[in-house]
Amino acid sequence: LIPVLLLGSLSLSGQIRNDEVFELPEMEISDLRNDIRIPDVDGFHVLKCDFHTHTIFSDGRVWPTMRVDEAWKDGLDAIAITDHIEVRPWKPFVSGGDLNSSFDIAKQRADQIGFIVIKGIEITRAKPLGHINALFITDANPIETPEPLDAVNEAYRQGAFIMWNHPGWPDDQCTMYDVHEQLIKEGKIHGVEVFNSAEYYPKAIDWCRDLKLAFLANSDIHSTTGDSYHPKPLGRPVTLVLAKERSEAGIREAMFAGRTIALFNDLLAGPEALLTGLVKASIDRRVISS
């Protein structure tokens, strides 16, 4: 056995189980989590959330439990599983499930480690409607319907928080069409992604501010975070949710109340009062008089 030298000696201190098997637990990172602490703001817990993720049950590349484990390691507090209804290239290889399966699998793992997973689905249509995420749904299967607005209405009937995804996709034009204006007027769009994956939509910030919609930033992740984002803490975009309690119910109440802040690439976007409160809470300050 020849020891490996990496800029000095490498200490091998693994526990000996027997004369032939040696464990090196220090090489494993399965239990390492980024401890990202954001102070409470005006009595609210600031939770780090990603409301747009995909698994192998649509066009993602990972199993649902992997989504939970990597989000926990990234220091997040909650994610939503939002697999596409209409885009499921791996369906022939993932048999026996339905549109709820990815959430059901993720929820089992989340419960084991004390993590929050929100049940969602992505309605995936061409413009003018575009892509819509429905969060906090009860059953994804009835939302699979040929007519786009019927799908939105079914999600709304289930009490979903409905968000407009990546408004500049796929033509690099952020256009609010008549259908969006009507849905917003009817209270059937509650938030807009001002940032998605690696794209920033300045127009969406104006929409959220002027129309009192929730500011959202999400990963829309299909691969792994390790393959997609810088390994620094909170290298992935997240939505900060100012919740009364650390629970799914707390997140839901806060989102419908519009207490969200988009955090992406070390930038913040949200209602002025919330941003002011977060900045003040994050700075330790005192007055020194002579």
Protein backbone atom coordinates (compact mmCIF):
# COMPACT_ATOMS: atom_id res chain seq x y z
CA LEU A 1 0.00 0.00 0.00
CA ILE A 2 1.54 3.34 -1.11
CA PRO A 3 0.23 6.47 0.63
CA VAL A 4 -0.84 9.34 -1.64
CA LEU A 5 0.74 12.74 -1.03
CA LEU A 6 -1.28 15.84 -1.92
CA LEU A 7 0.73 18.92 -1.03
CA GLY A 8 1.82 17.11 2.12
CA SER A 9 0.89 14.03 4.05
CA LEU A 10 -2.65 12.70 3.88
CA SER A 11 -3.75 11.29 7.21
CA LEU A 12 -5.78 8.11 6.97
CA SER A 13 -7.75 7.80 10.17
CA GLY A 14 -10.62 5.59 9.16
CA GLN A 15 -12.17 3.18 11.61
CA ILE A 16 -10.95 -0.42 11.27
CA ARG A 17 -13.96 -2.73 11.11
CA ASN A 18 -11.89 -5.89 10.81
CA ASP A 19 -8.55 -7.04 9.49
CA GLU A 20 -9.64 -6.77 5.84
CA VAL A 21 -12.14 -3.88 5.62
CA PHE A 22 -11.26 -0.27 6.42
CA GLU A 23 -13.75 2.62 6.48
CA LEU A 24 -12.79 6.20 5.63
CA PRO A 25 -15.92 8.18 6.63
CA GLU A 26 -14.02 11.45 6.31
CA MET A 27 -14.11 11.01 2.53
CA GLU A 28 -17.91 11.09 2.43
CA ILE A 29 -19.94 14.28 2.11
CA SER A 30 -23.45 12.83 2.31
CA ASP A 31 -24.14 14.56 5.63
CA LEU A 32 -22.57 17.95 4.87
CA ARG A 33 -24.96 20.90 4.59
CA ASN A 34 -24.31 24.54 3.81
CA ASP A 35 -25.44 26.34 6.95
CA ILE A 36 -26.85 29.55 5.47
CA ARG A 37 -28.24 31.77 8.19
CA ILE A 38 -30.49 34.66 7.25
CA PRO A 39 -31.87 36.70 10.15
CA ASP A 40 -35.55 36.95 10.94
CA VAL A 41 -37.21 40.06 9.55
CA ASP A 42 -39.92 41.82 11.56
CA GLY A 43 -40.74 38.57 13.34
CA PHE A 44 -40.88 36.49 10.14
CA HIS A 45 -38.67 33.48 9.42
CA VAL A 46 -36.78 33.95 6.13
CA LEU A 47 -36.93 30.60 4.35
CA LYS A 48 -34.79 29.71 1.31
CA CYS A 49 -36.93 28.03 -1.34
CA ASP A 50 -36.78 26.81 -4.93
CA PHE A 51 -40.24 26.50 -6.47
CA HIS A 52 -39.23 25.15 -9.88
CA THR A 53 -37.47 21.76 -10.13
CA HIS A 54 -37.69 18.74 -12.39
CA THR A 55 -37.02 15.02 -12.03
CA ILE A 56 -36.83 11.99 -14.27
CA PHE A 57 -40.64 11.90 -14.16
CA SER A 58 -40.60 14.70 -16.74
CA ASP A 59 -37.43 15.85 -18.52
CA GLY A 60 -35.14 16.04 -15.50
CA ARG A 61 -32.10 13.81 -15.07
CA VAL A 62 -32.35 12.78 -11.42
CA TRP A 63 -34.59 10.70 -9.18
CA PRO A 64 -36.93 12.70 -6.89
CA THR A 65 -35.01 11.76 -3.73
CA MET A 66 -31.90 13.33 -5.27
CA ARG A 67 -33.73 16.64 -5.61
CA VAL A 68 -34.44 16.60 -1.90
CA ASP A 69 -30.94 15.56 -0.82
CA GLU A 70 -29.14 18.16 -2.95
CA ALA A 71 -31.48 20.96 -1.82
CA TRP A 72 -30.85 20.01 1.81
CA LYS A 73 -27.08 20.04 1.17
CA ASP A 74 -27.39 23.43 -0.55
CA GLY A 75 -28.88 24.84 2.64
CA LEU A 76 -32.43 25.32 1.37
CA ASP A 77 -35.51 25.01 3.54
CA ALA A 78 -38.04 23.91 0.91
CA ILE A 79 -38.47 22.98 -2.74
CA ALA A 80 -41.41 22.32 -5.02
CA ILE A 81 -41.42 19.36 -7.37
CA THR A 82 -42.89 20.77 -10.59
CA ASP A 83 -42.54 18.17 -13.30
CA HIS A 84 -44.01 18.95 -16.71
CA ILE A 85 -47.39 17.55 -17.62
CA GLU A 86 -46.79 17.65 -21.35
CA VAL A 87 -43.04 16.90 -21.55
CA ARG A 88 -42.19 13.41 -20.29
CA PRO A 89 -39.48 11.87 -22.50
CA TRP A 90 -38.60 9.20 -19.92
CA LYS A 91 -42.18 7.99 -19.45
CA PRO A 92 -41.57 4.67 -21.32
CA PHE A 93 -38.82 3.88 -18.81
CA VAL A 94 -40.63 5.06 -15.67
CA SER A 95 -43.75 2.93 -15.71
CA GLY A 96 -46.43 2.47 -13.10
CA GLY A 97 -46.53 6.07 -11.91
CA ASP A 98 -48.75 9.06 -12.54
CA LEU A 99 -48.35 12.84 -12.34
CA ASN A 100 -48.21 12.68 -8.53
CA SER A 101 -45.48 10.04 -8.32
CA SER A 102 -42.43 12.30 -8.29
CA PHE A 103 -43.82 14.30 -5.38
CA ASP A 104 -44.84 11.16 -3.48
CA ILE A 105 -41.32 9.75 -3.74
CA ALA A 106 -39.69 13.07 -2.80
CA LYS A 107 -42.06 13.55 0.15
CA GLN A 108 -41.05 10.23 1.70
CA ARG A 109 -37.39 11.27 1.68
CA ALA A 110 -38.19 14.80 2.87
CA ASP A 111 -40.10 13.47 5.87
CA GLN A 112 -37.10 11.33 6.82
CA ILE A 113 -34.76 14.33 7.07
CA GLY A 114 -37.19 17.04 8.18
CA PHE A 115 -37.31 18.92 4.88
CA ILE A 116 -40.29 20.63 3.21
CA VAL A 117 -41.43 19.49 -0.24
CA ILE A 118 -44.34 21.21 -1.93
CA LYS A 119 -46.57 19.46 -4.44
CA GLY A 120 -46.61 21.17 -7.80
CA ILE A 121 -46.86 20.70 -11.54
CA GLU A 122 -45.83 22.65 -14.63
CA ILE A 123 -48.40 23.39 -17.32
CA THR A 124 -46.20 23.53 -20.40
CA ARG A 125 -47.73 25.35 -23.36
CA ALA A 126 -46.53 27.59 -26.17
CA LYS A 127 -46.91 31.33 -26.01
CA PRO A 128 -49.02 33.33 -25.53
CA LEU A 129 -49.77 31.43 -22.29
CA GLY A 130 -46.28 29.98 -21.92
CA HIS A 131 -45.31 27.87 -18.92
CA ILE A 132 -47.22 28.01 -15.65
CA ASN A 133 -46.34 26.38 -12.32
CA ALA A 134 -49.12 25.43 -9.93
CA LEU A 135 -47.98 24.96 -6.31
CA PHE A 136 -49.74 23.47 -3.28
CA ILE A 137 -52.03 21.38 -5.48
CA THR A 138 -53.86 18.33 -4.16
CA ASP A 139 -53.90 16.14 -7.30
CA ALA A 140 -51.91 16.76 -10.48
CA ASN A 141 -53.80 14.29 -12.65
CA PRO A 142 -56.98 16.38 -13.32
CA ILE A 143 -54.76 19.28 -14.44
CA GLU A 144 -53.77 17.24 -17.51
CA THR A 145 -56.29 18.56 -20.01
CA PRO A 146 -56.05 19.66 -23.67
CA GLU A 147 -57.28 23.21 -23.12
CA PRO A 148 -54.60 25.38 -21.41
CA LEU A 149 -57.04 27.57 -19.51
CA ASP A 150 -58.93 24.52 -18.28
CA ALA A 151 -55.65 23.33 -16.77
CA VAL A 152 -55.11 26.69 -15.06
CA ASN A 153 -58.70 26.75 -13.81
CA GLU A 154 -58.37 23.25 -12.34
CA ALA A 155 -55.21 24.27 -10.49
CA TYR A 156 -57.01 27.37 -9.24
CA ARG A 157 -59.94 25.22 -8.11
CA GLN A 158 -57.48 23.20 -6.02
CA GLY A 159 -56.33 26.37 -4.28
CA ALA A 160 -52.98 26.52 -6.06
CA PHE A 161 -50.51 29.36 -5.97
CA ILE A 162 -50.05 29.96 -9.69
CA MET A 163 -46.84 31.46 -11.05
CA TRP A 164 -45.80 32.56 -14.52
CA ASN A 165 -42.49 30.93 -15.41
CA HIS A 166 -39.58 32.46 -17.37
CA PRO A 167 -41.64 35.10 -19.23
CA GLY A 168 -38.83 35.74 -21.72
CA TRP A 169 -38.70 32.14 -22.93
CA PRO A 170 -38.28 30.93 -25.66
CA ASP A 171 -38.08 33.98 -27.94
CA ASP A 172 -36.15 36.38 -25.64
CA GLN A 173 -39.20 38.67 -25.56
CA CYS A 174 -40.91 39.49 -22.24
CA THR A 175 -44.43 40.17 -23.39
CA MET A 176 -47.52 40.29 -21.23
CA TYR A 177 -50.29 39.04 -23.46
CA ASP A 178 -54.04 39.48 -23.06
CA VAL A 179 -54.31 36.03 -21.47
CA HIS A 180 -51.91 37.03 -18.69
CA GLU A 181 -53.72 40.31 -18.06
CA GLN A 182 -57.00 38.43 -17.79
CA LEU A 183 -55.60 35.75 -15.47
CA ILE A 184 -54.03 38.40 -13.22
CA LYS A 185 -57.31 40.33 -13.14
CA GLU A 186 -59.12 37.13 -12.13
CA GLY A 187 -56.56 36.39 -9.42
CA LYS A 188 -55.26 33.31 -11.21
CA ILE A 189 -51.63 34.40 -11.49
CA HIS A 190 -50.08 35.20 -8.13
CA GLY A 191 -46.38 35.60 -8.96
CA VAL A 192 -43.83 35.86 -11.76
CA GLU A 193 -40.29 34.57 -12.08
CA VAL A 194 -38.04 37.60 -12.35
CA PHE A 195 -35.13 35.18 -12.61
CA ASN A 196 -35.06 31.62 -13.94
CA SER A 197 -32.06 29.30 -14.19
CA ALA A 198 -29.52 31.87 -15.45
CA GLU A 199 -31.89 34.40 -17.06
CA TYR A 200 -32.92 37.76 -15.63
CA TYR A 201 -36.15 39.51 -16.69
CA PRO A 202 -36.11 43.22 -15.71
CA LYS A 203 -39.62 43.79 -17.09
CA ALA A 204 -40.96 41.18 -14.70
CA ILE A 205 -39.72 43.22 -11.75
CA ASP A 206 -41.88 46.12 -12.92
CA TRP A 207 -44.86 43.80 -13.33
CA CYS A 208 -44.48 42.39 -9.83
CA ARG A 209 -44.11 45.85 -8.31
CA ASP A 210 -46.95 47.50 -10.20
CA LEU A 211 -49.41 44.60 -10.07
CA LYS A 212 -48.58 43.45 -6.52
CA LEU A 213 -47.42 40.01 -7.63
CA ALA A 214 -44.94 37.84 -5.76
CA PHE A 215 -41.29 38.18 -6.80
CA LEU A 216 -39.81 34.76 -7.59
CA ALA A 217 -36.37 33.40 -8.50
CA ASN A 218 -35.97 29.69 -9.15
CA SER A 219 -33.52 27.23 -10.65
CA ASP A 220 -35.81 25.34 -13.06
CA ILE A 221 -33.17 22.68 -12.53
CA HIS A 222 -33.03 19.56 -14.68
CA SER A 223 -29.51 18.28 -14.02
CA THR A 224 -27.76 18.44 -10.63
CA THR A 225 -26.92 21.67 -8.85
CA GLY A 226 -23.28 20.60 -8.91
CA ASP A 227 -23.37 20.53 -12.70
CA SER A 228 -25.41 23.72 -12.98
CA TYR A 229 -24.23 26.29 -10.45
CA HIS A 230 -21.16 27.67 -8.72
CA PRO A 231 -20.41 25.70 -5.52
CA LYS A 232 -20.45 28.86 -3.36
CA PRO A 233 -23.23 29.06 -0.74
CA LEU A 234 -26.51 29.92 -2.46
CA GLY A 235 -24.94 29.70 -5.89
CA ARG A 236 -28.37 28.65 -7.16
CA PRO A 237 -31.21 31.20 -7.40
CA VAL A 238 -33.80 31.01 -4.64
CA THR A 239 -36.97 32.69 -3.47
CA LEU A 240 -36.79 34.01 0.06
CA VAL A 241 -40.13 33.60 1.81
CA LEU A 242 -40.94 35.58 4.95
CA ALA A 243 -43.09 33.08 6.80
CA LYS A 244 -44.84 33.18 10.15
CA GLU A 245 -43.76 29.59 10.75
CA ARG A 246 -41.32 27.07 9.28
CA SER A 247 -43.88 24.86 7.59
CA GLU A 248 -45.59 24.29 4.27
CA ALA A 249 -48.63 26.13 5.58
CA GLY A 250 -46.41 29.03 6.62
CA ILE A 251 -44.83 29.22 3.18
CA ARG A 252 -48.20 29.07 1.45
CA GLU A 253 -49.66 31.88 3.55
CA ALA A 254 -46.62 34.08 2.97
CA MET A 255 -46.61 33.56 -0.79
CA PHE A 256 -50.26 34.47 -1.18
CA ALA A 257 -49.56 37.52 0.98
CA GLY A 258 -46.70 38.52 -1.35
CA ARG A 259 -43.94 38.26 1.27
CA THR A 260 -41.25 37.02 -1.11
CA ILE A 261 -37.85 38.25 -2.27
CA ALA A 262 -35.98 36.98 -5.33
CA LEU A 263 -32.29 36.23 -4.64
CA PHE A 264 -30.03 35.54 -7.63
CA ASN A 265 -26.35 36.13 -8.36
CA ASP A 266 -26.02 38.06 -5.07
CA LEU A 267 -28.84 40.43 -6.10
CA LEU A 268 -32.18 40.98 -4.39
CA ALA A 269 -35.51 41.96 -5.94
CA GLY A 270 -38.72 42.43 -4.03
CA PRO A 271 -41.07 44.90 -2.35
CA GLU A 272 -39.17 47.89 -0.97
CA ALA A 273 -40.40 47.40 2.58
CA LEU A 274 -39.26 43.78 2.67
CA LEU A 275 -35.87 44.60 1.15
CA THR A 276 -35.35 47.41 3.65
CA GLY A 277 -36.24 45.11 6.53
CA LEU A 278 -33.91 42.35 5.32
CA VAL A 279 -30.95 44.70 4.85
CA LYS A 280 -31.45 46.29 8.27
CA ALA A 281 -31.75 42.89 9.95
CA SER A 282 -28.56 41.72 8.23
CA ILE A 283 -26.41 44.62 9.41
CA ASP A 284 -25.13 44.84 12.96
CA ARG A 285 -25.03 48.52 13.73
CA ARG A 286 -24.71 50.81 16.73
CA VAL A 287 -24.45 54.53 17.31
CA ILE A 288 -21.22 55.74 18.90
CA SER A 289 -21.32 59.21 20.40
CA SER A 290 -18.30 61.17 21.53
